[in-house]
Protein backbone atom coordinates (compact mmCIF):
# COMPACT_ATOMS: atom_id res chain seq x y z
CA UNK A 1 15.65 68.00 24.87
CA UNK A 2 18.65 66.95 26.96
CA UNK A 3 21.15 64.09 26.70
CA UNK A 4 23.88 62.76 28.98
CA UNK A 5 26.81 60.80 27.58
CA UNK A 6 28.82 58.77 30.06
CA UNK A 7 32.44 58.90 28.87
CA UNK A 8 34.49 58.53 32.05
CA UNK A 9 35.65 54.95 31.58
CA UNK A 10 39.16 53.75 30.86
CA UNK A 11 38.27 50.99 28.42
CA UNK A 12 40.92 48.64 29.76
CA UNK A 13 39.50 45.63 27.92
CA UNK A 14 40.02 47.48 24.64
CA UNK A 15 43.53 48.73 25.41
CA UNK A 16 45.08 46.43 22.79
CA UNK A 17 42.95 48.20 20.16
CA UNK A 18 42.92 51.82 21.38
CA UNK A 19 46.11 52.12 23.42
CA UNK A 20 45.87 54.69 26.20
CA UNK A 21 42.88 56.68 24.91
CA UNK A 22 39.35 56.62 26.32
CA UNK A 23 37.14 54.09 24.54
CA UNK A 24 34.78 56.81 23.29
CA UNK A 25 37.61 58.02 21.05
CA UNK A 26 37.71 54.83 18.98
CA UNK A 27 37.60 55.76 15.30
CA UNK A 28 34.91 54.19 13.15
CA UNK A 29 34.40 55.20 9.54
CA UNK A 30 36.50 58.34 9.94
CA UNK A 31 34.84 59.66 13.10
CA UNK A 32 35.13 58.99 16.82
CA UNK A 33 32.31 57.17 18.58
CA UNK A 34 31.59 60.16 20.81
CA UNK A 35 31.76 62.58 17.89
CA UNK A 36 29.20 60.44 16.08
CA UNK A 37 26.91 60.39 19.12
CA UNK A 38 27.02 64.18 19.44
CA UNK A 39 26.46 64.68 15.70
CA UNK A 40 23.43 62.37 15.69
CA UNK A 41 21.94 63.94 18.82
CA UNK A 42 22.30 67.42 17.35
CA UNK A 43 20.72 66.28 14.08
CA UNK A 44 17.73 65.15 16.17
CA UNK A 45 17.45 68.63 17.74
CA UNK A 46 18.94 67.66 21.09
CA UNK A 47 20.31 71.02 22.17
CA UNK A 48 21.59 70.35 25.67
CA UNK A 49 24.26 67.62 25.66
CA UNK A 50 26.31 66.90 28.76
CA UNK A 51 29.35 64.62 28.76
CA UNK A 52 30.62 63.01 31.96
CA UNK A 53 34.39 62.72 31.62
CA UNK A 54 37.01 60.99 33.72
CA UNK A 55 40.00 59.18 32.27
CA UNK A 56 42.06 61.52 30.05
CA UNK A 57 39.22 64.01 29.93
CA UNK A 58 41.27 66.58 28.04
CA UNK A 59 41.36 64.31 24.99
CA UNK A 60 37.56 64.25 24.97
CA UNK A 61 37.42 68.03 25.39
CA UNK A 62 39.86 68.40 22.50
CA UNK A 63 37.63 66.20 20.33
CA UNK A 64 34.30 67.91 21.08
CA UNK A 65 35.27 71.46 21.93
CA UNK A 66 32.41 73.70 22.97
CA UNK A 67 29.66 71.58 21.36
CA UNK A 68 28.72 70.09 24.75
CA UNK A 69 28.76 70.74 28.50
CA UNK A 70 31.28 68.84 30.60
CA UNK A 71 31.20 67.34 34.07
CA UNK A 72 34.37 65.69 35.37
CA UNK A 73 34.41 62.58 37.57
CA UNK A 74 37.90 62.47 39.13
CA UNK A 75 37.36 58.89 40.40
C-alpha cells in the first residue's frame, strides 16, 4: 500500500506557536506530527510513503531520514 503526505506548507497561521518551522514538525506528546503519521502508517503495513516537501524541506528530511521517499515542491 502507498501513502502520500503533503508537507510543503509554511503554516503561517501557526507561526506564533511553531516559529519558523514547518507545521508538520509541531511536537505533540514527545513526537512530531509527521513522525507520528509515518509511524502509524508503517504500523499498518504501508510500505511506500512519499512526502511532498516545500518550506524548509531539510528540516523534514532531518526528522524522517530514509524512512520515506521525498518529492520537493519549490513553489
